[in-house]
mmCIF file of all heavy atoms, coordinates in Angstrom:
data_MODEL
# 
_entry.id   MODEL 
# 
loop_
_atom_site.group_PDB 
_atom_site.id 
_atom_site.type_symbol 
_atom_site.label_atom_id 
_atom_site.label_alt_id 
_atom_site.label_comp_id 
_atom_site.label_asym_id 
_atom_site.label_entity_id 
_atom_site.label_seq_id 
_atom_site.pdbx_PDB_ins_code 
_atom_site.Cartn_x 
_atom_site.Cartn_y 
_atom_site.Cartn_z 
_atom_site.occupancy 
_atom_site.B_iso_or_equiv 
_atom_site.pdbx_formal_charge 
_atom_site.auth_seq_id 
_atom_site.auth_comp_id 
_atom_site.auth_asym_id 
_atom_site.auth_atom_id 
_atom_site.pdbx_PDB_model_num 
ATOM 1   N N   . PRO A 1 1  ? -2.098  -0.341 9.692   1.00 0.00 ? 1  PRO A N   1 
ATOM 2   C CA  . PRO A 1 1  ? -3.285  -1.012 10.249  1.00 0.00 ? 1  PRO A CA  1 
ATOM 3   C C   . PRO A 1 1  ? -4.593  -0.293 9.924   1.00 0.00 ? 1  PRO A C   1 
ATOM 4   O O   . PRO A 1 1  ? -5.639  -0.937 9.784   1.00 0.00 ? 1  PRO A O   1 
ATOM 5   C CB  . PRO A 1 1  ? -3.004  -1.019 11.766  1.00 0.00 ? 1  PRO A CB  1 
ATOM 6   C CG  . PRO A 1 1  ? -1.518  -0.916 11.882  1.00 0.00 ? 1  PRO A CG  1 
ATOM 7   C CD  . PRO A 1 1  ? -1.123  -0.008 10.764  1.00 0.00 ? 1  PRO A CD  1 
ATOM 8   N N   . ILE A 1 2  ? -4.550  1.034  9.793   1.00 0.00 ? 2  ILE A N   1 
ATOM 9   C CA  . ILE A 1 2  ? -5.755  1.787  9.426   1.00 0.00 ? 2  ILE A CA  1 
ATOM 10  C C   . ILE A 1 2  ? -6.210  1.373  8.030   1.00 0.00 ? 2  ILE A C   1 
ATOM 11  O O   . ILE A 1 2  ? -7.388  1.049  7.803   1.00 0.00 ? 2  ILE A O   1 
ATOM 12  C CB  . ILE A 1 2  ? -5.489  3.316  9.477   1.00 0.00 ? 2  ILE A CB  1 
ATOM 13  C CG1 . ILE A 1 2  ? -5.237  3.754  10.918  1.00 0.00 ? 2  ILE A CG1 1 
ATOM 14  C CG2 . ILE A 1 2  ? -6.662  4.094  8.855   1.00 0.00 ? 2  ILE A CG2 1 
ATOM 15  C CD1 . ILE A 1 2  ? -4.852  5.233  11.050  1.00 0.00 ? 2  ILE A CD1 1 
ATOM 16  N N   . ARG A 1 3  ? -5.277  1.382  7.097   1.00 0.00 ? 3  ARG A N   1 
ATOM 17  C CA  . ARG A 1 3  ? -5.618  1.012  5.713   1.00 0.00 ? 3  ARG A CA  1 
ATOM 18  C C   . ARG A 1 3  ? -6.093  -0.440 5.651   1.00 0.00 ? 3  ARG A C   1 
ATOM 19  O O   . ARG A 1 3  ? -7.068  -0.763 4.952   1.00 0.00 ? 3  ARG A O   1 
ATOM 20  C CB  . ARG A 1 3  ? -4.402  1.223  4.808   1.00 0.00 ? 3  ARG A CB  1 
ATOM 21  C CG  . ARG A 1 3  ? -3.941  2.673  4.729   1.00 0.00 ? 3  ARG A CG  1 
ATOM 22  C CD  . ARG A 1 3  ? -2.831  2.860  3.694   1.00 0.00 ? 3  ARG A CD  1 
ATOM 23  N NE  . ARG A 1 3  ? -2.406  4.257  3.650   1.00 0.00 ? 3  ARG A NE  1 
ATOM 24  C CZ  . ARG A 1 3  ? -1.293  4.735  4.187   1.00 0.00 ? 3  ARG A CZ  1 
ATOM 25  N NH1 . ARG A 1 3  ? -0.438  3.916  4.787   1.00 0.00 ? 3  ARG A NH1 1 
ATOM 26  N NH2 . ARG A 1 3  ? -0.998  6.011  4.116   1.00 0.00 ? 3  ARG A NH2 1 
ATOM 27  N N   . PHE A 1 4  ? -5.418  -1.297 6.377   1.00 0.00 ? 4  PHE A N   1 
ATOM 28  C CA  . PHE A 1 4  ? -5.734  -2.722 6.328   1.00 0.00 ? 4  PHE A CA  1 
ATOM 29  C C   . PHE A 1 4  ? -7.131  -3.003 6.878   1.00 0.00 ? 4  PHE A C   1 
ATOM 30  O O   . PHE A 1 4  ? -7.897  -3.777 6.287   1.00 0.00 ? 4  PHE A O   1 
ATOM 31  C CB  . PHE A 1 4  ? -4.679  -3.504 7.113   1.00 0.00 ? 4  PHE A CB  1 
ATOM 32  C CG  . PHE A 1 4  ? -4.946  -4.979 7.173   1.00 0.00 ? 4  PHE A CG  1 
ATOM 33  C CD1 . PHE A 1 4  ? -5.110  -5.719 6.012   1.00 0.00 ? 4  PHE A CD1 1 
ATOM 34  C CD2 . PHE A 1 4  ? -5.051  -5.640 8.393   1.00 0.00 ? 4  PHE A CD2 1 
ATOM 35  C CE1 . PHE A 1 4  ? -5.357  -7.086 6.053   1.00 0.00 ? 4  PHE A CE1 1 
ATOM 36  C CE2 . PHE A 1 4  ? -5.298  -6.988 8.452   1.00 0.00 ? 4  PHE A CE2 1 
ATOM 37  C CZ  . PHE A 1 4  ? -5.452  -7.716 7.280   1.00 0.00 ? 4  PHE A CZ  1 
ATOM 38  N N   . LEU A 1 5  ? -7.491  -2.385 7.998   1.00 0.00 ? 5  LEU A N   1 
ATOM 39  C CA  . LEU A 1 5  ? -8.819  -2.635 8.580   1.00 0.00 ? 5  LEU A CA  1 
ATOM 40  C C   . LEU A 1 5  ? -9.941  -2.068 7.716   1.00 0.00 ? 5  LEU A C   1 
ATOM 41  O O   . LEU A 1 5  ? -11.072 -2.539 7.773   1.00 0.00 ? 5  LEU A O   1 
ATOM 42  C CB  . LEU A 1 5  ? -8.903  -2.052 9.990   1.00 0.00 ? 5  LEU A CB  1 
ATOM 43  C CG  . LEU A 1 5  ? -8.100  -2.778 11.073  1.00 0.00 ? 5  LEU A CG  1 
ATOM 44  C CD1 . LEU A 1 5  ? -8.225  -2.061 12.408  1.00 0.00 ? 5  LEU A CD1 1 
ATOM 45  C CD2 . LEU A 1 5  ? -8.549  -4.237 11.203  1.00 0.00 ? 5  LEU A CD2 1 
ATOM 46  N N   . ALA A 1 6  ? -9.639  -1.057 6.911   1.00 0.00 ? 6  ALA A N   1 
ATOM 47  C CA  . ALA A 1 6  ? -10.644 -0.500 6.003   1.00 0.00 ? 6  ALA A CA  1 
ATOM 48  C C   . ALA A 1 6  ? -10.768 -1.333 4.736   1.00 0.00 ? 6  ALA A C   1 
ATOM 49  O O   . ALA A 1 6  ? -11.872 -1.715 4.331   1.00 0.00 ? 6  ALA A O   1 
ATOM 50  C CB  . ALA A 1 6  ? -10.296 0.942  5.653   1.00 0.00 ? 6  ALA A CB  1 
ATOM 51  N N   . PHE A 1 7  ? -9.637  -1.638 4.104   1.00 0.00 ? 7  PHE A N   1 
ATOM 52  C CA  . PHE A 1 7  ? -9.643  -2.287 2.788   1.00 0.00 ? 7  PHE A CA  1 
ATOM 53  C C   . PHE A 1 7  ? -9.588  -3.814 2.848   1.00 0.00 ? 7  PHE A C   1 
ATOM 54  O O   . PHE A 1 7  ? -10.007 -4.481 1.903   1.00 0.00 ? 7  PHE A O   1 
ATOM 55  C CB  . PHE A 1 7  ? -8.456  -1.803 1.956   1.00 0.00 ? 7  PHE A CB  1 
ATOM 56  C CG  . PHE A 1 7  ? -8.563  -0.392 1.448   1.00 0.00 ? 7  PHE A CG  1 
ATOM 57  C CD1 . PHE A 1 7  ? -8.090  0.675  2.192   1.00 0.00 ? 7  PHE A CD1 1 
ATOM 58  C CD2 . PHE A 1 7  ? -9.130  -0.123 0.210   1.00 0.00 ? 7  PHE A CD2 1 
ATOM 59  C CE1 . PHE A 1 7  ? -8.178  1.979  1.731   1.00 0.00 ? 7  PHE A CE1 1 
ATOM 60  C CE2 . PHE A 1 7  ? -9.225  1.170  -0.269  1.00 0.00 ? 7  PHE A CE2 1 
ATOM 61  C CZ  . PHE A 1 7  ? -8.752  2.233  0.491   1.00 0.00 ? 7  PHE A CZ  1 
ATOM 62  N N   . GLY A 1 8  ? -8.990  -4.368 3.903   1.00 0.00 ? 8  GLY A N   1 
ATOM 63  C CA  . GLY A 1 8  ? -8.736  -5.809 3.925   1.00 0.00 ? 8  GLY A CA  1 
ATOM 64  C C   . GLY A 1 8  ? -7.429  -6.159 3.238   1.00 0.00 ? 8  GLY A C   1 
ATOM 65  O O   . GLY A 1 8  ? -7.095  -7.336 3.075   1.00 0.00 ? 8  GLY A O   1 
ATOM 66  N N   . HIS A 1 9  ? -6.688  -5.141 2.823   1.00 0.00 ? 9  HIS A N   1 
ATOM 67  C CA  . HIS A 1 9  ? -5.369  -5.286 2.216   1.00 0.00 ? 9  HIS A CA  1 
ATOM 68  C C   . HIS A 1 9  ? -4.649  -3.947 2.370   1.00 0.00 ? 9  HIS A C   1 
ATOM 69  O O   . HIS A 1 9  ? -5.241  -2.990 2.874   1.00 0.00 ? 9  HIS A O   1 
ATOM 70  C CB  . HIS A 1 9  ? -5.477  -5.681 0.744   1.00 0.00 ? 9  HIS A CB  1 
ATOM 71  C CG  . HIS A 1 9  ? -6.286  -4.716 -0.078  1.00 0.00 ? 9  HIS A CG  1 
ATOM 72  N ND1 . HIS A 1 9  ? -7.559  -5.006 -0.530  1.00 0.00 ? 9  HIS A ND1 1 
ATOM 73  C CD2 . HIS A 1 9  ? -6.032  -3.448 -0.502  1.00 0.00 ? 9  HIS A CD2 1 
ATOM 74  C CE1 . HIS A 1 9  ? -8.036  -3.961 -1.202  1.00 0.00 ? 9  HIS A CE1 1 
ATOM 75  N NE2 . HIS A 1 9  ? -7.125  -3.003 -1.196  1.00 0.00 ? 9  HIS A NE2 1 
ATOM 76  N N   . ILE A 1 10 ? -3.403  -3.874 1.923   1.00 0.00 ? 10 ILE A N   1 
ATOM 77  C CA  . ILE A 1 10 ? -2.672  -2.604 1.945   1.00 0.00 ? 10 ILE A CA  1 
ATOM 78  C C   . ILE A 1 10 ? -2.724  -2.026 0.532   1.00 0.00 ? 10 ILE A C   1 
ATOM 79  O O   . ILE A 1 10 ? -2.114  -2.581 -0.385  1.00 0.00 ? 10 ILE A O   1 
ATOM 80  C CB  . ILE A 1 10 ? -1.191  -2.788 2.367   1.00 0.00 ? 10 ILE A CB  1 
ATOM 81  C CG1 . ILE A 1 10 ? -1.076  -3.655 3.628   1.00 0.00 ? 10 ILE A CG1 1 
ATOM 82  C CG2 . ILE A 1 10 ? -0.532  -1.425 2.552   1.00 0.00 ? 10 ILE A CG2 1 
ATOM 83  C CD1 . ILE A 1 10 ? -1.667  -3.064 4.867   1.00 0.00 ? 10 ILE A CD1 1 
ATOM 84  N N   . PRO A 1 11 ? -3.461  -0.941 0.299   1.00 0.00 ? 11 PRO A N   1 
ATOM 85  C CA  . PRO A 1 11 ? -3.620  -0.431 -1.075  1.00 0.00 ? 11 PRO A CA  1 
ATOM 86  C C   . PRO A 1 11 ? -2.344  0.230  -1.591  1.00 0.00 ? 11 PRO A C   1 
ATOM 87  O O   . PRO A 1 11 ? -1.620  0.886  -0.854  1.00 0.00 ? 11 PRO A O   1 
ATOM 88  C CB  . PRO A 1 11 ? -4.749  0.602  -0.926  1.00 0.00 ? 11 PRO A CB  1 
ATOM 89  C CG  . PRO A 1 11 ? -4.671  1.052  0.500   1.00 0.00 ? 11 PRO A CG  1 
ATOM 90  C CD  . PRO A 1 11 ? -4.209  -0.143 1.292   1.00 0.00 ? 11 PRO A CD  1 
ATOM 91  N N   . GLU A 1 12 ? -2.080  0.020  -2.870  1.00 0.00 ? 12 GLU A N   1 
ATOM 92  C CA  . GLU A 1 12 ? -0.948  0.692  -3.515  1.00 0.00 ? 12 GLU A CA  1 
ATOM 93  C C   . GLU A 1 12 ? -1.162  2.201  -3.481  1.00 0.00 ? 12 GLU A C   1 
ATOM 94  O O   . GLU A 1 12 ? -2.302  2.662  -3.520  1.00 0.00 ? 12 GLU A O   1 
ATOM 95  C CB  . GLU A 1 12 ? -0.823  0.228  -4.972  1.00 0.00 ? 12 GLU A CB  1 
ATOM 96  C CG  . GLU A 1 12 ? -0.452  -1.228 -5.100  1.00 0.00 ? 12 GLU A CG  1 
ATOM 97  C CD  . GLU A 1 12 ? -0.195  -1.630 -6.557  1.00 0.00 ? 12 GLU A CD  1 
ATOM 98  O OE1 . GLU A 1 12 ? -0.269  -0.765 -7.460  1.00 0.00 ? 12 GLU A OE1 1 
ATOM 99  O OE2 . GLU A 1 12 ? 0.087   -2.803 -6.795  1.00 0.00 ? 12 GLU A OE2 1 
ATOM 100 N N   . PRO A 1 13 ? -0.084  2.982  -3.409  1.00 0.00 ? 13 PRO A N   1 
ATOM 101 C CA  . PRO A 1 13 ? 1.325   2.569  -3.473  1.00 0.00 ? 13 PRO A CA  1 
ATOM 102 C C   . PRO A 1 13 ? 1.917   2.231  -2.118  1.00 0.00 ? 13 PRO A C   1 
ATOM 103 O O   . PRO A 1 13 ? 3.123   1.998  -2.026  1.00 0.00 ? 13 PRO A O   1 
ATOM 104 C CB  . PRO A 1 13 ? 1.993   3.831  -4.031  1.00 0.00 ? 13 PRO A CB  1 
ATOM 105 C CG  . PRO A 1 13 ? 1.217   4.954  -3.424  1.00 0.00 ? 13 PRO A CG  1 
ATOM 106 C CD  . PRO A 1 13 ? -0.219  4.469  -3.389  1.00 0.00 ? 13 PRO A CD  1 
ATOM 107 N N   . TYR A 1 14 ? 1.089   2.155  -1.068  1.00 0.00 ? 14 TYR A N   1 
ATOM 108 C CA  . TYR A 1 14 ? 1.614   1.977  0.277   1.00 0.00 ? 14 TYR A CA  1 
ATOM 109 C C   . TYR A 1 14 ? 1.987   0.528  0.551   1.00 0.00 ? 14 TYR A C   1 
ATOM 110 O O   . TYR A 1 14 ? 1.503   -0.405 -0.107  1.00 0.00 ? 14 TYR A O   1 
ATOM 111 C CB  . TYR A 1 14 ? 0.595   2.463  1.312   1.00 0.00 ? 14 TYR A CB  1 
ATOM 112 C CG  . TYR A 1 14 ? 0.163   3.883  1.081   1.00 0.00 ? 14 TYR A CG  1 
ATOM 113 C CD1 . TYR A 1 14 ? -1.088  4.171  0.539   1.00 0.00 ? 14 TYR A CD1 1 
ATOM 114 C CD2 . TYR A 1 14 ? 1.015   4.943  1.374   1.00 0.00 ? 14 TYR A CD2 1 
ATOM 115 C CE1 . TYR A 1 14 ? -1.490  5.476  0.304   1.00 0.00 ? 14 TYR A CE1 1 
ATOM 116 C CE2 . TYR A 1 14 ? 0.622   6.256  1.143   1.00 0.00 ? 14 TYR A CE2 1 
ATOM 117 C CZ  . TYR A 1 14 ? -0.625  6.508  0.595   1.00 0.00 ? 14 TYR A CZ  1 
ATOM 118 O OH  . TYR A 1 14 ? -1.003  7.802  0.354   1.00 0.00 ? 14 TYR A OH  1 
ATOM 119 N N   . THR A 1 15 ? 2.829   0.346  1.562   1.00 0.00 ? 15 THR A N   1 
ATOM 120 C CA  . THR A 1 15 ? 3.190   -0.977 2.057   1.00 0.00 ? 15 THR A CA  1 
ATOM 121 C C   . THR A 1 15 ? 3.143   -0.907 3.591   1.00 0.00 ? 15 THR A C   1 
ATOM 122 O O   . THR A 1 15 ? 2.738   0.102  4.156   1.00 0.00 ? 15 THR A O   1 
ATOM 123 C CB  . THR A 1 15 ? 4.600   -1.389 1.597   1.00 0.00 ? 15 THR A CB  1 
ATOM 124 O OG1 . THR A 1 15 ? 5.575   -0.534 2.237   1.00 0.00 ? 15 THR A OG1 1 
ATOM 125 C CG2 . THR A 1 15 ? 4.749   -1.279 0.082   1.00 0.00 ? 15 THR A CG2 1 
ATOM 126 N N   . THR A 1 16 ? 3.597   -1.956 4.229   1.00 0.00 ? 16 THR A N   1 
ATOM 127 C CA  . THR A 1 16 ? 3.660   -1.945 5.689   1.00 0.00 ? 16 THR A CA  1 
ATOM 128 C C   . THR A 1 16 ? 4.911   -1.224 6.189   1.00 0.00 ? 16 THR A C   1 
ATOM 129 O O   . THR A 1 16 ? 5.051   -1.014 7.399   1.00 0.00 ? 16 THR A O   1 
ATOM 130 C CB  . THR A 1 16 ? 3.660   -3.376 6.241   1.00 0.00 ? 16 THR A CB  1 
ATOM 131 O OG1 . THR A 1 16 ? 4.678   -4.122 5.569   1.00 0.00 ? 16 THR A OG1 1 
ATOM 132 C CG2 . THR A 1 16 ? 2.319   -4.040 6.048   1.00 0.00 ? 16 THR A CG2 1 
ATOM 133 N N   . LEU A 1 17 ? 5.820   -0.860 5.288   1.00 0.00 ? 17 LEU A N   1 
ATOM 134 C CA  . LEU A 1 17 ? 7.087   -0.252 5.679   1.00 0.00 ? 17 LEU A CA  1 
ATOM 135 C C   . LEU A 1 17 ? 7.168   1.211  5.263   1.00 0.00 ? 17 LEU A C   1 
ATOM 136 O O   . LEU A 1 17 ? 6.668   1.587  4.193   1.00 0.00 ? 17 LEU A O   1 
ATOM 137 C CB  . LEU A 1 17 ? 8.263   -1.008 5.051   1.00 0.00 ? 17 LEU A CB  1 
ATOM 138 C CG  . LEU A 1 17 ? 8.419   -2.472 5.463   1.00 0.00 ? 17 LEU A CG  1 
ATOM 139 C CD1 . LEU A 1 17 ? 9.545   -3.121 4.671   1.00 0.00 ? 17 LEU A CD1 1 
ATOM 140 C CD2 . LEU A 1 17 ? 8.679   -2.589 6.960   1.00 0.00 ? 17 LEU A CD2 1 
ATOM 141 N N   . GLN A 1 18 ? 7.814   2.015  6.079   1.00 0.00 ? 18 GLN A N   1 
ATOM 142 C CA  . GLN A 1 18 ? 8.042   3.412  5.734   1.00 0.00 ? 18 GLN A CA  1 
ATOM 143 C C   . GLN A 1 18 ? 9.015   3.508  4.562   1.00 0.00 ? 18 GLN A C   1 
ATOM 144 O O   . GLN A 1 18 ? 10.009  2.785  4.520   1.00 0.00 ? 18 GLN A O   1 
ATOM 145 C CB  . GLN A 1 18 ? 8.615   4.170  6.939   1.00 0.00 ? 18 GLN A CB  1 
ATOM 146 C CG  . GLN A 1 18 ? 7.621   4.417  8.043   1.00 0.00 ? 18 GLN A CG  1 
ATOM 147 C CD  . GLN A 1 18 ? 8.192   5.289  9.150   1.00 0.00 ? 18 GLN A CD  1 
ATOM 148 O OE1 . GLN A 1 18 ? 9.218   5.922  8.992   1.00 0.00 ? 18 GLN A OE1 1 
ATOM 149 N NE2 . GLN A 1 18 ? 7.517   5.313  10.292  1.00 0.00 ? 18 GLN A NE2 1 
ATOM 150 N N   . GLN A 1 19 ? 8.702   4.407  3.626   1.00 0.00 ? 19 GLN A N   1 
ATOM 151 C CA  . GLN A 1 19 ? 9.554   4.723  2.467   1.00 0.00 ? 19 GLN A CA  1 
ATOM 152 C C   . GLN A 1 19 ? 9.684   3.597  1.457   1.00 0.00 ? 19 GLN A C   1 
ATOM 153 O O   . GLN A 1 19 ? 10.508  3.670  0.548   1.00 0.00 ? 19 GLN A O   1 
ATOM 154 C CB  . GLN A 1 19 ? 10.953  5.164  2.924   1.00 0.00 ? 19 GLN A CB  1 
ATOM 155 C CG  . GLN A 1 19 ? 10.947  6.485  3.698   1.00 0.00 ? 19 GLN A CG  1 
ATOM 156 C CD  . GLN A 1 19 ? 12.351  6.970  3.988   1.00 0.00 ? 19 GLN A CD  1 
ATOM 157 O OE1 . GLN A 1 19 ? 13.027  6.467  4.880   1.00 0.00 ? 19 GLN A OE1 1 
ATOM 158 N NE2 . GLN A 1 19 ? 12.811  7.942  3.226   1.00 0.00 ? 19 GLN A NE2 1 
ATOM 159 N N   . ILE A 1 20 ? 8.867   2.546  1.592   1.00 0.00 ? 20 ILE A N   1 
ATOM 160 C CA  . ILE A 1 20 ? 8.825   1.481  0.579   1.00 0.00 ? 20 ILE A CA  1 
ATOM 161 C C   . ILE A 1 20 ? 7.492   1.607  -0.146  1.00 0.00 ? 20 ILE A C   1 
ATOM 162 O O   . ILE A 1 20 ? 6.434   1.536  0.479   1.00 0.00 ? 20 ILE A O   1 
ATOM 163 C CB  . ILE A 1 20 ? 8.949   0.081  1.196   1.00 0.00 ? 20 ILE A CB  1 
ATOM 164 C CG1 . ILE A 1 20 ? 10.220  -0.037 2.038   1.00 0.00 ? 20 ILE A CG1 1 
ATOM 165 C CG2 . ILE A 1 20 ? 8.919   -0.978 0.106   1.00 0.00 ? 20 ILE A CG2 1 
ATOM 166 C CD1 . ILE A 1 20 ? 11.508  -0.035 1.269   1.00 0.00 ? 20 ILE A CD1 1 
ATOM 167 N N   . TYR A 1 21 ? 7.558   1.775  -1.472  1.00 0.00 ? 21 TYR A N   1 
ATOM 168 C CA  . TYR A 1 21 ? 6.344   2.009  -2.258  1.00 0.00 ? 21 TYR A CA  1 
ATOM 169 C C   . TYR A 1 21 ? 6.254   1.040  -3.435  1.00 0.00 ? 21 TYR A C   1 
ATOM 170 O O   . TYR A 1 21 ? 7.270   0.531  -3.921  1.00 0.00 ? 21 TYR A O   1 
ATOM 171 C CB  . TYR A 1 21 ? 6.321   3.454  -2.782  1.00 0.00 ? 21 TYR A CB  1 
ATOM 172 C CG  . TYR A 1 21 ? 6.339   4.476  -1.685  1.00 0.00 ? 21 TYR A CG  1 
ATOM 173 C CD1 . TYR A 1 21 ? 7.517   5.151  -1.368  1.00 0.00 ? 21 TYR A CD1 1 
ATOM 174 C CD2 . TYR A 1 21 ? 5.200   4.760  -0.939  1.00 0.00 ? 21 TYR A CD2 1 
ATOM 175 C CE1 . TYR A 1 21 ? 7.553   6.087  -0.340  1.00 0.00 ? 21 TYR A CE1 1 
ATOM 176 C CE2 . TYR A 1 21 ? 5.227   5.695  0.087   1.00 0.00 ? 21 TYR A CE2 1 
ATOM 177 C CZ  . TYR A 1 21 ? 6.404   6.351  0.383   1.00 0.00 ? 21 TYR A CZ  1 
ATOM 178 O OH  . TYR A 1 21 ? 6.432   7.268  1.402   1.00 0.00 ? 21 TYR A OH  1 
ATOM 179 N N   . SER A 1 22 ? 5.043   0.851  -3.887  1.00 0.00 ? 22 SER A N   1 
ATOM 180 C CA  . SER A 1 22 ? 4.802   0.033  -5.073  1.00 0.00 ? 22 SER A CA  1 
ATOM 181 C C   . SER A 1 22 ? 4.868   0.921  -6.314  1.00 0.00 ? 22 SER A C   1 
ATOM 182 O O   . SER A 1 22 ? 4.259   1.993  -6.356  1.00 0.00 ? 22 SER A O   1 
ATOM 183 C CB  . SER A 1 22 ? 3.417   -0.616 -4.967  1.00 0.00 ? 22 SER A CB  1 
ATOM 184 O OG  . SER A 1 22 ? 3.127   -1.351 -6.124  1.00 0.00 ? 22 SER A OG  1 
ATOM 185 N N   . LEU A 1 23 ? 5.611   0.487  -7.318  1.00 0.00 ? 23 LEU A N   1 
ATOM 186 C CA  . LEU A 1 23 ? 5.656   1.220  -8.581  1.00 0.00 ? 23 LEU A CA  1 
ATOM 187 C C   . LEU A 1 23 ? 4.302   1.073  -9.270  1.00 0.00 ? 23 LEU A C   1 
ATOM 188 O O   . LEU A 1 23 ? 3.785   -0.040 -9.382  1.00 0.00 ? 23 LEU A O   1 
ATOM 189 C CB  . LEU A 1 23 ? 6.762   0.664  -9.479  1.00 0.00 ? 23 LEU A CB  1 
ATOM 190 C CG  . LEU A 1 23 ? 6.970   1.366  -10.822 1.00 0.00 ? 23 LEU A CG  1 
ATOM 191 C CD1 . LEU A 1 23 ? 7.489   2.784  -10.617 1.00 0.00 ? 23 LEU A CD1 1 
ATOM 192 C CD2 . LEU A 1 23 ? 7.935   0.575  -11.705 1.00 0.00 ? 23 LEU A CD2 1 
ATOM 193 N N   . PRO A 1 24 ? 3.687   2.167  -9.742  1.00 0.00 ? 24 PRO A N   1 
ATOM 194 C CA  . PRO A 1 24 ? 2.374   2.038  -10.399 1.00 0.00 ? 24 PRO A CA  1 
ATOM 195 C C   . PRO A 1 24 ? 2.456   1.173  -11.663 1.00 0.00 ? 24 PRO A C   1 
ATOM 196 O O   . PRO A 1 24 ? 3.468   1.164  -12.350 1.00 0.00 ? 24 PRO A O   1 
ATOM 197 C CB  . PRO A 1 24 ? 2.023   3.485  -10.767 1.00 0.00 ? 24 PRO A CB  1 
ATOM 198 C CG  . PRO A 1 24 ? 2.889   4.343  -9.918  1.00 0.00 ? 24 PRO A CG  1 
ATOM 199 C CD  . PRO A 1 24 ? 4.146   3.566  -9.683  1.00 0.00 ? 24 PRO A CD  1 
ATOM 200 N N   . LYS A 1 25 ? 1.383   0.465  -11.940 1.00 0.00 ? 25 LYS A N   1 
ATOM 201 C CA  . LYS A 1 25 ? 1.334   -0.349 -13.160 1.00 0.00 ? 25 LYS A CA  1 
ATOM 202 C C   . LYS A 1 25 ? 1.424   0.560  -14.386 1.00 0.00 ? 25 LYS A C   1 
ATOM 203 O O   . LYS A 1 25 ? 1.000   1.731  -14.360 1.00 0.00 ? 25 LYS A O   1 
ATOM 204 C CB  . LYS A 1 25 ? 0.039   -1.157 -13.199 1.00 0.00 ? 25 LYS A CB  1 
ATOM 205 C CG  . LYS A 1 25 ? -1.235  -0.318 -13.218 1.00 0.00 ? 25 LYS A CG  1 
ATOM 206 C CD  . LYS A 1 25 ? -2.453  -1.213 -13.175 1.00 0.00 ? 25 LYS A CD  1 
ATOM 207 C CE  . LYS A 1 25 ? -3.746  -0.388 -13.182 1.00 0.00 ? 25 LYS A CE  1 
ATOM 208 N NZ  . LYS A 1 25 ? -4.939  -1.237 -13.121 1.00 0.00 ? 25 LYS A NZ  1 
ATOM 209 N N   . GLY A 1 26 ? 1.990   0.034  -15.456 1.00 0.00 ? 26 GLY A N   1 
ATOM 210 C CA  . GLY A 1 26 ? 2.110   0.802  -16.698 1.00 0.00 ? 26 GLY A CA  1 
ATOM 211 C C   . GLY A 1 26 ? 3.049   1.990  -16.600 1.00 0.00 ? 26 GLY A C   1 
ATOM 212 O O   . GLY A 1 26 ? 2.963   2.920  -17.388 1.00 0.00 ? 26 GLY A O   1 
ATOM 213 N N   . HIS A 1 27 ? 3.966   1.957  -15.630 1.00 0.00 ? 27 HIS A N   1 
ATOM 214 C CA  . HIS A 1 27 ? 4.926   3.051  -15.422 1.00 0.00 ? 27 HIS A CA  1 
ATOM 215 C C   . HIS A 1 27 ? 6.349   2.506  -15.365 1.00 0.00 ? 27 HIS A C   1 
ATOM 216 O O   . HIS A 1 27 ? 6.566   1.326  -15.100 1.00 0.00 ? 27 HIS A O   1 
ATOM 217 C CB  . HIS A 1 27 ? 4.639   3.783  -14.107 1.00 0.00 ? 27 HIS A CB  1 
ATOM 218 C CG  . HIS A 1 27 ? 3.467   4.698  -14.157 1.00 0.00 ? 27 HIS A CG  1 
ATOM 219 N ND1 . HIS A 1 27 ? 2.171   4.237  -14.298 1.00 0.00 ? 27 HIS A ND1 1 
ATOM 220 C CD2 . HIS A 1 27 ? 3.375   6.065  -14.086 1.00 0.00 ? 27 HIS A CD2 1 
ATOM 221 C CE1 . HIS A 1 27 ? 1.333   5.273  -14.307 1.00 0.00 ? 27 HIS A CE1 1 
ATOM 222 N NE2 . HIS A 1 27 ? 2.041   6.385  -14.173 1.00 0.00 ? 27 HIS A NE2 1 
# 
């Protein structure tokens, strides 16, 4: 919720779930 209220979205690599991450682009 901290990230969401600042950005208006959940910035990579984070998600709403613990230990679930977004793989970086070009990797």
